[in-house]
Amino acid sequence: MTADLNRRHLLAAALAAGAAPSLVACANLGSPEPCFTLGVASGTPRPDSIVLWTRLSPEAHPARVVEVRWELATDESFRHVVRSGVDHAEADWGHSVHVQVGGLEPARWYWYRFTALGQVSPVGRTRTAPAAGSLDPVAFAIASCQRWDHGHYAAWRHLADESPDLVLFLGDYIYEYAPVPGGVRLHQGLTDTRTLAQYRARYAQYKGDPDLQRAHASAPWIVTWDDHEVQNDYAADQGPFFAPAFLERRARAYQAWWEHMPLPPSTRPTGPGLQVFDRCDWGALARFHVLDNRQYRDPQACPPPGRGGGNTVDVARCPDLARPERTYLGATQERWLGEGLARGGVRWNFIAQQTLVAPFTWRPDGNRVWTDGWSGYPGARARLLGQLARPGVENPVVLGGDTHTHYVCDLHQRGDPTAPVIATEFCGTSISSRGRSQAQLDAALPWNPHVHYGRRDERGYVAFRLAPGRLDARLRALSDGADPAATVRTAATFHVESGRAGAQRG
């Protein structure tokens, strides 16, 4: 039977059965699971709860409100369903579903699925965090920057094959750019993303990738954003080109991001604001402090003439950099982070944020820096490092992305390379977004002796295994980011010993 005849057969059968128009539209797509072409996901793991996510296919044209049934089981065949219920996917929120399932066992793997409009979703696997006091080891990975038109998502396939307990995504889930001829793949649309419909369509395109879907379905995710979820180099309420009504664009972008992430229903945004910073305790082993480096920051210092955004500047020619009150996180988030670090009760503290915290200079005199990252906010970085150096903050490790580069760094008190090492930093490369010249980076590395490793020519992710006494890191690199069948290798291994700040090879 041809695809066209098959669609007509489904339509006739649905009409004969008296099906609602929304069911007819969903079935008329002619694929096995037409309502769930964007996959499933889970996130925000707690010892007794997990968030389950899906979004009905935008091509299905369902009714304004669609009933969606969900099930959570202790086995993949769903013989032992332990929780189930019904949620309502609303058109005003992109027909997304966010279910926070409570009353669960800690440190337990579960399987979940959804049913809507006569269709059953793919099955996802998830797990809860351990109970308070647990020191059981955890395997987790960090990833970021998955520009569609720069490459394929083989990295996600390999990451899923590693079956981590947890995935941390550190920003740039989509890129807002218009289609660029000659890319590995082509962004849909005619312009950059500005409207809610355009942002939704861009997420739908990215989420249609089977390797990304597989990674989402393999483990719970903890997520934050960076700039491309809205517009490159935006800062708080200001876009890089000073466009009017930027907050309206930001509100649309934030809504679309929320609609597509496994976040609790209680976090649904109102207007242009959405609190992203959050904490996740993994028993007594680790605390993940998840930060938002975009929403509350001051504008970048000394931008290019006639516009905003980041710039590479000579420190001596940009006195605005030195103003100590300039903020990267905002006062409220800085206090919140300090309170979480001071709380204690865990062996390791992970600062999950967007970019490179370590100072990095592109000139031997140390006076040339990029202003969009932490080096453009030295006062704010000094305050962050001061928080990490406080007594009682156990084993601080900073995690980052954004740079499209694998970095492994020591973090020194006050950012001074002659001062004691107080923390370790792992900044992961991109899933697919291309990096700049490796030769340029190689030339600058001798002027940054606190950087143990720096590779711009590697696409991939960082895989970790954490036990009470040691953190092991494998920097994973693809054979070719543009090849959907790329292989993966471990480019380098490092470890951090409990009670000894700083990365060590092997």
Protein backbone atom coordinates (compact mmCIF):
# COMPACT_ATOMS: atom_id res chain seq x y z
CA MET A 1 0.00 0.00 0.00
CA THR A 2 1.45 3.40 -0.93
CA ALA A 3 1.98 6.06 1.73
CA ASP A 4 -0.85 8.14 0.25
CA LEU A 5 -3.29 5.20 0.20
CA ASN A 6 -2.26 4.26 3.71
CA ARG A 7 -3.02 7.78 4.97
CA ARG A 8 -6.43 7.69 3.25
CA HIS A 9 -7.13 4.28 4.78
CA LEU A 10 -6.32 5.59 8.28
CA LEU A 11 -8.46 8.66 7.73
CA ALA A 12 -11.44 6.62 6.52
CA ALA A 13 -11.14 4.20 9.43
CA ALA A 14 -10.96 7.04 11.95
CA LEU A 15 -14.00 8.78 10.45
CA ALA A 16 -15.97 5.54 10.38
CA ALA A 17 -15.24 5.11 14.08
CA GLY A 18 -16.43 8.62 14.85
CA ALA A 19 -12.97 9.83 15.84
CA ALA A 20 -12.40 13.41 16.86
CA PRO A 21 -10.78 15.69 14.25
CA SER A 22 -7.58 15.88 16.32
CA LEU A 23 -7.22 12.08 16.23
CA VAL A 24 -7.76 12.09 12.48
CA ALA A 25 -5.03 14.71 12.06
CA CYS A 26 -2.61 12.75 14.20
CA ALA A 27 -3.25 9.43 12.47
CA ASN A 28 -3.12 11.08 9.06
CA LEU A 29 0.62 11.63 9.39
CA GLY A 30 1.14 7.99 8.48
CA SER A 31 4.08 7.22 10.81
CA PRO A 32 4.09 4.66 13.66
CA GLU A 33 4.08 7.27 16.43
CA PRO A 34 3.02 10.49 14.70
CA CYS A 35 2.05 12.28 17.89
CA PHE A 36 5.48 11.76 19.48
CA THR A 37 7.98 12.67 16.76
CA LEU A 38 9.88 14.89 19.24
CA GLY A 39 10.62 12.02 21.59
CA VAL A 40 10.48 11.85 25.38
CA ALA A 41 12.72 13.09 28.17
CA SER A 42 13.08 13.24 31.94
CA GLY A 43 14.85 15.57 34.35
CA THR A 44 15.16 17.28 37.73
CA PRO A 45 15.92 14.04 39.59
CA ARG A 46 15.19 14.04 43.32
CA PRO A 47 15.31 11.09 45.74
CA ASP A 48 11.52 10.74 45.60
CA SER A 49 10.51 12.33 42.29
CA ILE A 50 11.31 12.84 38.62
CA VAL A 51 9.92 15.06 35.86
CA LEU A 52 8.64 13.39 32.68
CA TRP A 53 8.39 15.35 29.43
CA THR A 54 7.06 15.09 25.92
CA ARG A 55 5.53 17.41 23.35
CA LEU A 56 2.91 16.38 20.85
CA SER A 57 4.10 16.70 17.29
CA PRO A 58 3.44 20.19 15.89
CA GLU A 59 2.47 18.58 12.58
CA ALA A 60 -0.36 16.68 14.28
CA HIS A 61 -2.54 19.81 14.63
CA PRO A 62 -4.30 18.49 17.74
CA ALA A 63 -7.12 20.21 19.56
CA ARG A 64 -6.44 23.12 21.89
CA VAL A 65 -6.33 20.75 24.87
CA VAL A 66 -5.35 17.11 24.47
CA GLU A 67 -5.55 14.44 27.16
CA VAL A 68 -2.23 12.64 27.57
CA ARG A 69 -1.85 9.55 29.72
CA TRP A 70 1.51 8.71 31.30
CA GLU A 71 2.87 5.57 32.93
CA LEU A 72 5.96 4.87 35.05
CA ALA A 73 7.10 1.30 35.59
CA THR A 74 9.92 -0.59 37.24
CA ASP A 75 10.46 -2.68 34.10
CA GLU A 76 10.83 -1.88 30.42
CA SER A 77 7.88 -4.09 29.42
CA PHE A 78 5.54 -2.21 31.81
CA ARG A 79 4.35 -5.29 33.63
CA HIS A 80 4.85 -3.44 36.92
CA VAL A 81 3.40 0.07 36.54
CA VAL A 82 3.90 1.94 39.82
CA ARG A 83 2.55 5.37 38.88
CA SER A 84 0.18 6.58 36.17
CA GLY A 85 -2.06 9.50 35.48
CA VAL A 86 -3.47 11.95 32.97
CA ASP A 87 -2.09 15.37 32.03
CA HIS A 88 -3.45 17.93 29.60
CA ALA A 89 -1.32 19.27 26.76
CA GLU A 90 -2.42 22.83 26.00
CA ALA A 91 -1.96 24.67 22.73
CA ASP A 92 -0.91 27.81 24.62
CA TRP A 93 2.14 25.90 25.84
CA GLY A 94 2.98 24.14 22.60
CA HIS A 95 1.15 20.95 23.61
CA SER A 96 4.06 20.17 25.89
CA VAL A 97 3.68 17.85 28.87
CA HIS A 98 5.57 18.28 32.14
CA VAL A 99 4.65 15.75 34.82
CA GLN A 100 6.36 15.73 38.21
CA VAL A 101 5.94 12.20 39.53
CA GLY A 102 6.37 11.85 43.29
CA GLY A 103 6.37 9.05 45.84
CA LEU A 104 9.25 7.18 44.19
CA GLU A 105 12.08 5.10 45.59
CA PRO A 106 15.54 6.72 45.73
CA ALA A 107 18.34 5.50 43.44
CA ARG A 108 15.90 3.50 41.36
CA TRP A 109 15.73 3.09 37.58
CA TYR A 110 12.30 3.47 36.00
CA TRP A 111 10.79 3.34 32.52
CA TYR A 112 8.07 5.68 31.25
CA ARG A 113 5.83 6.32 28.25
CA PHE A 114 2.91 8.47 27.13
CA THR A 115 -0.32 7.79 25.25
CA ALA A 116 -2.36 10.38 23.34
CA LEU A 117 -4.78 10.43 20.45
CA GLY A 118 -4.51 6.70 19.95
CA GLN A 119 -0.72 6.70 19.80
CA VAL A 120 1.95 5.42 22.21
CA SER A 121 5.26 7.23 22.65
CA PRO A 122 8.73 5.72 22.62
CA VAL A 123 9.84 4.40 26.00
CA GLY A 124 12.26 6.42 28.10
CA ARG A 125 14.49 5.32 30.95
CA THR A 126 15.14 7.46 34.01
CA ARG A 127 16.23 7.25 37.62
CA THR A 128 15.84 9.05 40.91
CA ALA A 129 18.66 10.58 42.92
CA PRO A 130 20.04 8.61 45.88
CA ALA A 131 18.75 9.08 49.39
CA ALA A 132 20.36 11.60 51.70
CA GLY A 133 23.54 10.13 53.15
CA SER A 134 24.28 7.83 50.21
CA LEU A 135 27.87 7.76 48.92
CA ASP A 136 27.22 5.44 45.99
CA PRO A 137 29.32 6.32 42.88
CA VAL A 138 27.69 8.15 39.96
CA ALA A 139 28.47 8.29 36.25
CA PHE A 140 27.51 11.54 34.55
CA ALA A 141 28.36 13.55 31.46
CA ILE A 142 28.39 17.21 30.42
CA ALA A 143 27.52 18.49 26.95
CA SER A 144 26.70 21.76 25.21
CA CYS A 145 26.51 23.63 21.90
CA GLN A 146 24.75 21.53 19.28
CA ARG A 147 24.45 23.81 16.25
CA TRP A 148 22.38 21.92 13.70
CA ASP A 149 24.01 23.20 10.52
CA HIS A 150 27.58 22.60 11.75
CA GLY A 151 27.36 18.85 12.17
CA HIS A 152 25.53 15.69 13.11
CA TYR A 153 24.78 14.32 16.58
CA ALA A 154 26.93 11.19 16.69
CA ALA A 155 28.22 12.44 20.05
CA TRP A 156 24.76 11.94 21.54
CA ARG A 157 24.63 8.36 20.26
CA HIS A 158 27.95 7.54 21.89
CA LEU A 159 27.01 9.31 25.11
CA ALA A 160 23.78 7.28 25.31
CA ASP A 161 25.79 4.09 24.74
CA GLU A 162 27.72 4.87 27.93
CA SER A 163 24.46 4.68 29.96
CA PRO A 164 25.23 7.50 32.40
CA ASP A 165 23.16 8.02 35.52
CA LEU A 166 22.81 11.72 34.73
CA VAL A 167 23.38 14.19 31.88
CA LEU A 168 24.08 17.90 32.43
CA PHE A 169 23.38 20.13 29.45
CA LEU A 170 25.16 23.48 29.81
CA GLY A 171 23.65 25.68 27.13
CA ASP A 172 23.13 26.45 23.44
CA TYR A 173 20.53 23.74 22.86
CA ILE A 174 19.44 25.52 19.68
CA TYR A 175 21.00 28.24 17.55
CA GLU A 176 18.80 31.11 16.45
CA TYR A 177 20.55 31.84 13.17
CA ALA A 178 18.90 31.96 9.75
CA PRO A 179 19.74 29.20 7.25
CA VAL A 180 23.28 29.38 5.90
CA PRO A 181 23.86 27.78 2.48
CA GLY A 182 26.56 25.15 2.40
CA GLY A 183 26.15 23.89 5.96
CA VAL A 184 26.29 20.23 6.91
CA ARG A 185 22.54 20.47 7.50
CA LEU A 186 20.18 23.35 6.82
CA HIS A 187 18.24 25.29 9.43
CA GLN A 188 14.55 25.43 8.60
CA GLY A 189 12.88 28.78 8.00
CA LEU A 190 13.84 31.90 6.09
CA THR A 191 15.16 34.18 8.84
CA ASP A 192 16.60 33.96 12.33
CA THR A 193 14.19 32.93 15.09
CA ARG A 194 12.18 35.78 16.61
CA THR A 195 8.57 34.70 17.05
CA LEU A 196 7.24 32.00 19.38
CA ALA A 197 6.26 29.91 16.35
CA GLN A 198 9.79 30.19 14.95
CA TYR A 199 11.44 29.20 18.24
CA ARG A 200 9.06 26.23 18.54
CA ALA A 201 9.86 25.16 14.99
CA ARG A 202 13.60 25.38 15.64
CA TYR A 203 13.32 23.18 18.75
CA ALA A 204 11.14 20.74 16.84
CA GLN A 205 13.81 20.48 14.14
CA TYR A 206 16.58 19.78 16.64
CA LYS A 207 14.48 17.38 18.69
CA GLY A 208 13.62 15.40 15.58
CA ASP A 209 17.19 14.06 15.49
CA PRO A 210 17.16 10.37 16.53
CA ASP A 211 20.53 10.49 18.30
CA LEU A 212 19.45 13.42 20.46
CA GLN A 213 16.16 11.64 21.22
CA ARG A 214 18.07 8.55 22.26
CA ALA A 215 20.26 10.54 24.66
CA HIS A 216 17.20 12.17 26.22
CA ALA A 217 15.51 8.80 26.65
CA SER A 218 18.57 7.16 28.23
CA ALA A 219 18.87 9.10 31.53
CA PRO A 220 17.54 12.13 33.43
CA TRP A 221 18.89 15.53 32.40
CA ILE A 222 19.71 18.66 34.37
CA VAL A 223 19.61 21.68 32.06
CA THR A 224 20.59 25.31 31.84
CA TRP A 225 20.83 27.71 28.91
CA ASP A 226 23.31 30.13 27.35
CA ASP A 227 22.77 32.85 24.75
CA HIS A 228 21.72 31.12 21.53
CA GLU A 229 18.44 29.98 23.04
CA VAL A 230 17.54 33.67 22.64
CA GLN A 231 20.16 35.60 20.63
CA ASN A 232 23.94 35.46 20.43
CA ASP A 233 25.72 37.46 23.17
CA TYR A 234 22.59 38.90 24.75
CA ALA A 235 22.95 40.26 28.27
CA ALA A 236 19.91 40.45 30.55
CA ASP A 237 17.42 42.78 28.81
CA GLN A 238 19.75 43.84 25.99
CA GLY A 239 20.38 42.21 22.64
CA PRO A 240 23.62 42.77 20.74
CA PHE A 241 22.02 45.15 18.23
CA PHE A 242 19.88 47.18 20.66
CA ALA A 243 16.69 46.05 18.93
CA PRO A 244 13.52 47.52 20.46
CA ALA A 245 11.21 45.26 22.49
CA PHE A 246 14.03 42.79 23.18
CA LEU A 247 12.33 41.61 26.38
CA GLU A 248 9.34 40.52 24.31
CA ARG A 249 11.63 38.38 22.16
CA ARG A 250 13.30 37.02 25.28
CA ALA A 251 9.92 36.10 26.76
CA ARG A 252 9.00 34.14 23.63
CA ALA A 253 12.38 32.39 23.63
CA TYR A 254 12.16 31.52 27.32
CA GLN A 255 8.69 30.07 26.86
CA ALA A 256 9.83 27.90 23.96
CA TRP A 257 12.84 26.70 25.95
CA TRP A 258 10.61 25.74 28.89
CA GLU A 259 8.16 23.99 26.58
CA HIS A 260 10.95 21.73 25.30
CA MET A 261 12.89 20.94 28.50
CA PRO A 262 12.11 18.33 31.21
CA LEU A 263 11.35 20.95 33.85
CA PRO A 264 8.71 20.89 36.60
CA PRO A 265 5.30 22.41 35.78
CA SER A 266 5.82 24.82 38.68
CA THR A 267 8.61 26.55 36.76
CA ARG A 268 6.39 27.59 33.84
CA PRO A 269 7.46 31.15 32.97
CA THR A 270 5.45 34.31 33.35
CA GLY A 271 6.53 37.17 31.12
CA PRO A 272 10.22 37.58 30.30
CA GLY A 273 11.55 35.88 33.45
CA LEU A 274 12.26 32.22 34.26
CA GLN A 275 14.33 30.99 37.19
CA VAL A 276 16.83 28.46 35.90
CA PHE A 277 19.35 28.31 38.74
CA ASP A 278 18.74 25.25 40.87
CA ARG A 279 20.45 22.64 43.04
CA CYS A 280 20.46 18.86 42.83
CA ASP A 281 21.91 16.75 45.64
CA TRP A 282 23.17 13.30 44.66
CA GLY A 283 23.00 11.77 48.11
CA ALA A 284 25.89 12.90 50.30
CA LEU A 285 28.29 12.41 47.41
CA ALA A 286 27.69 15.52 45.31
CA ARG A 287 25.76 18.74 45.03
CA PHE A 288 25.20 20.21 41.57
CA HIS A 289 24.74 23.99 41.68
CA VAL A 290 23.22 24.91 38.31
CA LEU A 291 23.73 28.56 37.31
CA ASP A 292 22.27 31.08 34.86
CA ASN A 293 24.97 33.35 33.40
CA ARG A 294 22.67 35.29 31.04
CA GLN A 295 19.49 36.59 32.61
CA TYR A 296 20.92 38.77 35.39
CA ARG A 297 24.31 39.95 34.11
CA ASP A 298 25.49 43.47 33.39
CA PRO A 299 26.09 44.28 29.70
CA GLN A 300 29.52 43.40 28.33
CA ALA A 301 32.20 46.04 28.80
CA CYS A 302 33.61 47.96 25.82
CA PRO A 303 31.49 46.37 23.07
CA PRO A 304 32.24 46.84 19.36
CA PRO A 305 31.37 50.33 18.07
CA GLY A 306 27.65 50.90 17.63
CA ARG A 307 26.47 47.63 19.15
CA GLY A 308 26.46 45.44 22.25
CA GLY A 309 27.77 41.95 22.93
CA GLY A 310 31.20 40.46 23.40
CA ASN A 311 34.50 41.81 22.17
CA THR A 312 38.21 41.04 22.45
CA VAL A 313 39.79 44.02 24.21
CA ASP A 314 43.00 45.30 25.70
CA VAL A 315 42.45 45.49 29.44
CA ALA A 316 44.29 48.81 29.73
CA ARG A 317 41.93 50.38 27.18
CA CYS A 318 38.74 49.18 28.86
CA PRO A 319 38.54 50.65 32.37
CA ASP A 320 34.92 49.48 32.67
CA LEU A 321 36.23 45.92 33.12
CA ALA A 322 37.73 46.83 36.48
CA ARG A 323 34.51 48.05 38.11
CA PRO A 324 34.14 45.55 40.98
CA GLU A 325 30.35 45.91 41.22
CA ARG A 326 29.76 44.52 37.72
CA THR A 327 27.86 41.23 37.98
CA TYR A 328 27.69 38.07 35.94
CA LEU A 329 25.14 36.18 38.05
CA GLY A 330 23.17 38.97 39.71
CA ALA A 331 23.16 39.66 43.43
CA THR A 332 20.32 37.26 44.26
CA GLN A 333 21.93 34.31 42.48
CA GLU A 334 25.34 35.07 44.00
CA ARG A 335 23.80 34.94 47.50
CA TRP A 336 21.91 31.76 46.64
CA LEU A 337 25.12 30.08 45.47
CA GLY A 338 26.99 31.13 48.57
CA GLU A 339 24.25 29.72 50.79
CA GLY A 340 24.29 26.40 48.94
CA LEU A 341 28.05 26.08 49.17
CA ALA A 342 27.99 26.91 52.86
CA ARG A 343 25.32 24.33 53.58
CA GLY A 344 27.84 21.47 53.54
CA GLY A 345 26.83 17.84 53.93
CA VAL A 346 28.30 16.63 50.62
CA ARG A 347 31.76 15.41 49.55
CA TRP A 348 31.88 17.25 46.20
CA ASN A 349 30.47 20.55 44.94
CA PHE A 350 29.94 20.97 41.18
CA ILE A 351 29.29 24.41 39.71
CA ALA A 352 27.41 23.69 36.48
CA GLN A 353 27.44 26.82 34.37
CA GLN A 354 27.90 27.99 30.81
CA THR A 355 31.49 28.90 29.96
CA LEU A 356 35.16 29.04 31.00
CA VAL A 357 35.77 30.46 34.48
CA ALA A 358 39.58 30.25 34.38
CA PRO A 359 41.37 33.41 33.25
CA PHE A 360 42.56 33.14 29.68
CA THR A 361 44.70 35.64 27.84
CA TRP A 362 45.47 35.77 24.14
CA ARG A 363 48.69 37.77 24.62
CA PRO A 364 51.86 37.14 26.65
CA ASP A 365 51.40 40.25 28.77
CA GLY A 366 48.02 38.93 29.94
CA ASN A 367 46.17 42.06 28.86
CA ARG A 368 43.89 40.84 26.05
CA VAL A 369 40.61 39.13 27.00
CA TRP A 370 37.19 38.16 25.62
CA THR A 371 34.48 40.19 27.35
CA ASP A 372 31.44 37.90 27.01
CA GLY A 373 32.86 35.27 29.37
CA TRP A 374 34.07 35.38 32.97
CA SER A 375 37.24 37.21 31.92
CA GLY A 376 35.00 40.12 30.99
CA TYR A 377 33.67 40.23 34.58
CA PRO A 378 36.81 39.91 36.73
CA GLY A 379 35.15 41.30 39.86
CA ALA A 380 32.34 38.77 39.62
CA ARG A 381 34.85 35.99 39.00
CA ALA A 382 36.85 37.04 42.05
CA ARG A 383 33.69 36.79 44.16
CA LEU A 384 32.93 33.33 42.76
CA LEU A 385 36.46 32.10 43.46
CA GLY A 386 36.22 33.58 46.93
CA GLN A 387 33.09 31.53 47.56
CA LEU A 388 34.81 28.35 46.36
CA ALA A 389 37.81 29.02 48.64
CA ARG A 390 35.77 29.32 51.83
CA PRO A 391 36.44 26.77 54.58
CA GLY A 392 33.98 23.90 54.50
CA VAL A 393 33.38 23.97 50.74
CA GLU A 394 34.36 20.41 49.90
CA ASN A 395 36.08 19.59 46.60
CA PRO A 396 34.74 22.37 44.33
CA VAL A 397 34.74 21.51 40.61
CA VAL A 398 33.54 23.90 37.90
CA LEU A 399 31.82 22.52 34.80
CA GLY A 400 31.36 24.61 31.63
CA GLY A 401 30.74 24.70 27.89
CA ASP A 402 30.24 27.51 25.31
CA THR A 403 33.84 27.68 24.07
CA HIS A 404 33.62 24.70 21.66
CA THR A 405 36.88 23.61 23.27
CA HIS A 406 37.97 20.90 25.66
CA TYR A 407 39.69 22.71 28.55
CA VAL A 408 41.06 21.28 31.80
CA CYS A 409 42.25 23.97 34.22
CA ASP A 410 43.36 24.70 37.73
CA LEU A 411 41.51 27.56 39.41
CA HIS A 412 43.66 29.72 41.67
CA GLN A 413 42.61 31.96 44.52
CA ARG A 414 41.72 35.44 43.20
CA GLY A 415 42.49 34.18 39.69
CA ASP A 416 46.18 34.74 40.43
CA PRO A 417 48.36 31.91 39.01
CA THR A 418 50.87 32.44 41.82
CA ALA A 419 48.20 31.85 44.48
CA PRO A 420 47.11 28.43 45.79
CA VAL A 421 44.93 26.17 43.64
CA ILE A 422 41.42 26.11 45.11
CA ALA A 423 39.34 24.24 42.53
CA THR A 424 39.40 22.32 39.25
CA GLU A 425 37.62 23.17 36.01
CA PHE A 426 36.43 20.97 33.15
CA CYS A 427 35.06 22.91 30.21
CA GLY A 428 33.59 20.56 27.62
CA THR A 429 33.72 21.01 23.88
CA SER A 430 30.65 21.16 21.64
CA ILE A 431 28.40 18.39 20.44
CA SER A 432 28.57 19.78 16.89
CA SER A 433 29.32 23.53 16.84
CA ARG A 434 32.64 24.19 15.15
CA GLY A 435 35.62 25.63 17.02
CA ARG A 436 38.13 28.23 15.88
CA SER A 437 41.77 27.73 14.96
CA GLN A 438 43.69 25.20 17.02
CA ALA A 439 46.92 26.91 15.94
CA GLN A 440 45.72 30.15 17.55
CA LEU A 441 44.96 28.31 20.79
CA ASP A 442 48.28 26.47 20.74
CA ALA A 443 50.09 29.81 20.46
CA ALA A 444 48.29 31.15 23.54
CA LEU A 445 48.51 28.08 25.81
CA PRO A 446 52.08 28.84 27.02
CA TRP A 447 50.81 32.14 28.43
CA ASN A 448 48.14 30.26 30.43
CA PRO A 449 50.09 27.70 32.50
CA HIS A 450 47.06 26.86 34.65
CA VAL A 451 45.45 25.25 31.55
CA HIS A 452 46.44 21.56 31.42
CA TYR A 453 44.59 20.78 28.20
CA GLY A 454 43.06 22.80 25.38
CA ARG A 455 41.69 21.43 22.09
CA ARG A 456 39.44 23.42 19.77
CA ASP A 457 39.46 20.80 17.03
CA GLU A 458 37.52 18.15 18.98
CA ARG A 459 33.74 17.70 19.01
CA GLY A 460 32.24 15.57 21.74
CA TYR A 461 31.53 15.64 25.49
CA VAL A 462 33.12 14.86 28.86
CA ALA A 463 32.23 11.67 30.73
CA PHE A 464 32.82 11.47 34.49
CA ARG A 465 32.78 8.84 37.19
CA LEU A 466 32.62 10.11 40.74
CA ALA A 467 33.32 8.18 43.93
CA PRO A 468 33.85 9.62 47.42
CA GLY A 469 37.63 9.78 47.04
CA ARG A 470 38.10 10.56 43.36
CA LEU A 471 36.64 12.14 40.23
CA ASP A 472 37.68 10.58 36.91
CA ALA A 473 37.15 12.48 33.64
CA ARG A 474 37.37 11.22 30.06
CA LEU A 475 37.44 13.84 27.31
CA ARG A 476 35.54 12.19 24.48
CA ALA A 477 36.24 13.28 20.89
CA LEU A 478 34.56 12.33 17.61
CA SER A 479 36.42 11.20 14.50
CA ASP A 480 34.45 13.77 12.46
CA GLY A 481 31.70 16.04 13.76
CA ALA A 482 30.16 16.28 10.28
CA ASP A 483 29.80 12.50 9.94
CA PRO A 484 26.58 10.96 11.34
CA ALA A 485 28.44 7.63 11.67
CA ALA A 486 31.50 9.12 13.43
CA THR A 487 33.40 7.01 15.91
CA VAL A 488 34.50 8.29 19.31
CA ARG A 489 37.74 8.04 21.28
CA THR A 490 39.04 9.20 24.62
CA ALA A 491 41.34 12.10 23.76
CA ALA A 492 42.65 12.49 27.32
CA THR A 493 41.97 11.39 30.88
CA PHE A 494 42.30 13.39 34.08
CA HIS A 495 41.40 12.86 37.69
CA VAL A 496 40.90 14.91 40.83
CA GLU A 497 41.57 13.46 44.26
CA SER A 498 39.35 14.35 47.19
CA GLY A 499 41.02 16.99 49.34
CA ARG A 500 43.52 17.94 46.63
CA ALA A 501 42.38 20.69 44.27
CA GLY A 502 43.69 20.58 40.73
CA ALA A 503 43.58 18.16 37.80
CA GLN A 504 46.07 15.34 37.36
CA ARG A 505 46.72 13.40 34.17
CA GLY A 506 45.52 9.83 33.86
